[in-house]
Amino acid sequence: MPDLGPDQQFEVDASLVDPDGLVARATGAANGSRRTPSPGMAAVASWLPERVVENEELAQPLGVNSDWISSRTGIHRRRRVGAEGLVDLASGAGAKALALAGVEPASLDLVLVATFTSDQLLPNAAPQVANRLGATSAGAIDIGAACTGFLSALSLATAQLESGRARAALVVGAEVISGVTDFTDRRTAGLFGDGAGAAVLVPGGPGQIGPIALRSDGGRGELIQADHHDRLVRMDGRATFRAAVAAMSDTTQLVVSDAGLALDEIDLFVYHQANSRIISAVGERLGLPPDRVIDCLAEYGNTSAASIPIALSEAASSGLLVKGSRVLLSAFGAGLTWGAGIVEWEGSA
């Protein structure tokens, strides 16, 4: 802290003050004034790097062919950043979602960015994304829950809107996993892709965000990890497969029950896009119709926290996600963390 004399005072950085926001809060117009109507997801959008990396590019150094990767993962290609960084991807997805929702960035009270691959150790990604978008009065927080990050951020943002502590929120899942992938490791080299997806949440609809259940088991964190030594993702694939299928199946049934619904009343199942075999195994275990379960791994690979919003955007473009749909979201990731939630979709994509 600077040394000040007894008659001196700290100067206030006026650029950090939001007069309109202060007035709104002082008059009870926002942030804790009252409980608001159930929030809805007004829009969802994705933002992907231009560069496409085919399996063959990754397979040759591993001494395998491209079919070896696709037969084990369902992945044929993925996107990889060039000159872009994570903030670029997250901001692109956020700006697109805000435009689709018709929401001005300055009206956001909260920007959450789910990621474990931020451009820098500090500052975090969320404040940079908020600044890039022009969300000058928003609180901005990074969410660290790996592949469950978007669902975790969605739950936190929903609670903020439900309590009246926020008027509008932007939830982003973004990853540049190419920077933490060991391309000499057959277990993980073909799995991951880079990308971002974002959703805009507003009180009172459109649609409604229903129950969300989040779970964790830090005692099994060794299944998926990246340490400070080499900063590369390591995974026990078989054990992760078994855990992911069990966890997402369990929380799917839990939130559907909490919502007072049956599985056959869900129109679309959007699982974390980790591996096509995992998605198929969950569907088979629960007896889900394959045409209600989206799998876009072939084009994008595992994009971790970005995979659910990217899959939602893909479902909308392919006609699987339509207004009036009841959508089940579920994810599983490092930590271990996992969860599921239900969204009644009436938004734009």
Foldseek 3Di string as FASTA:
>chain_A
DDDDDPPDDDDDDCLLDDVVVVVCVVVLVFAQSAFFAFKAWFFKFKFAAPDKDFQQVLAVLQVHHSVVLCVWFVAGIAGAHDPDFFLVQQLVQQLVQCVQSVHQLCQWAEEEEEEDAHPDPPPGSFVVSSVVRVNSNYDGYYAYQWLCRQLVVVVVVSVCNRSRRIAKYKGKYFYNQVVQADSNDPVTNSFAHGIMMMTMMGTPDPFGWADKDKDFDLVPLVQWDADPPRSHIDHPVVVQLVVLLVQQLVQLVVQCVVVVHDPVLAQAEEEQQGGVVSQVSNCVVRVHDPLRYDHPNHRHGGHRNRRRSVSVNVCVVVVSDDQQGWYKYWYADRSGMIMITITRDHHYD
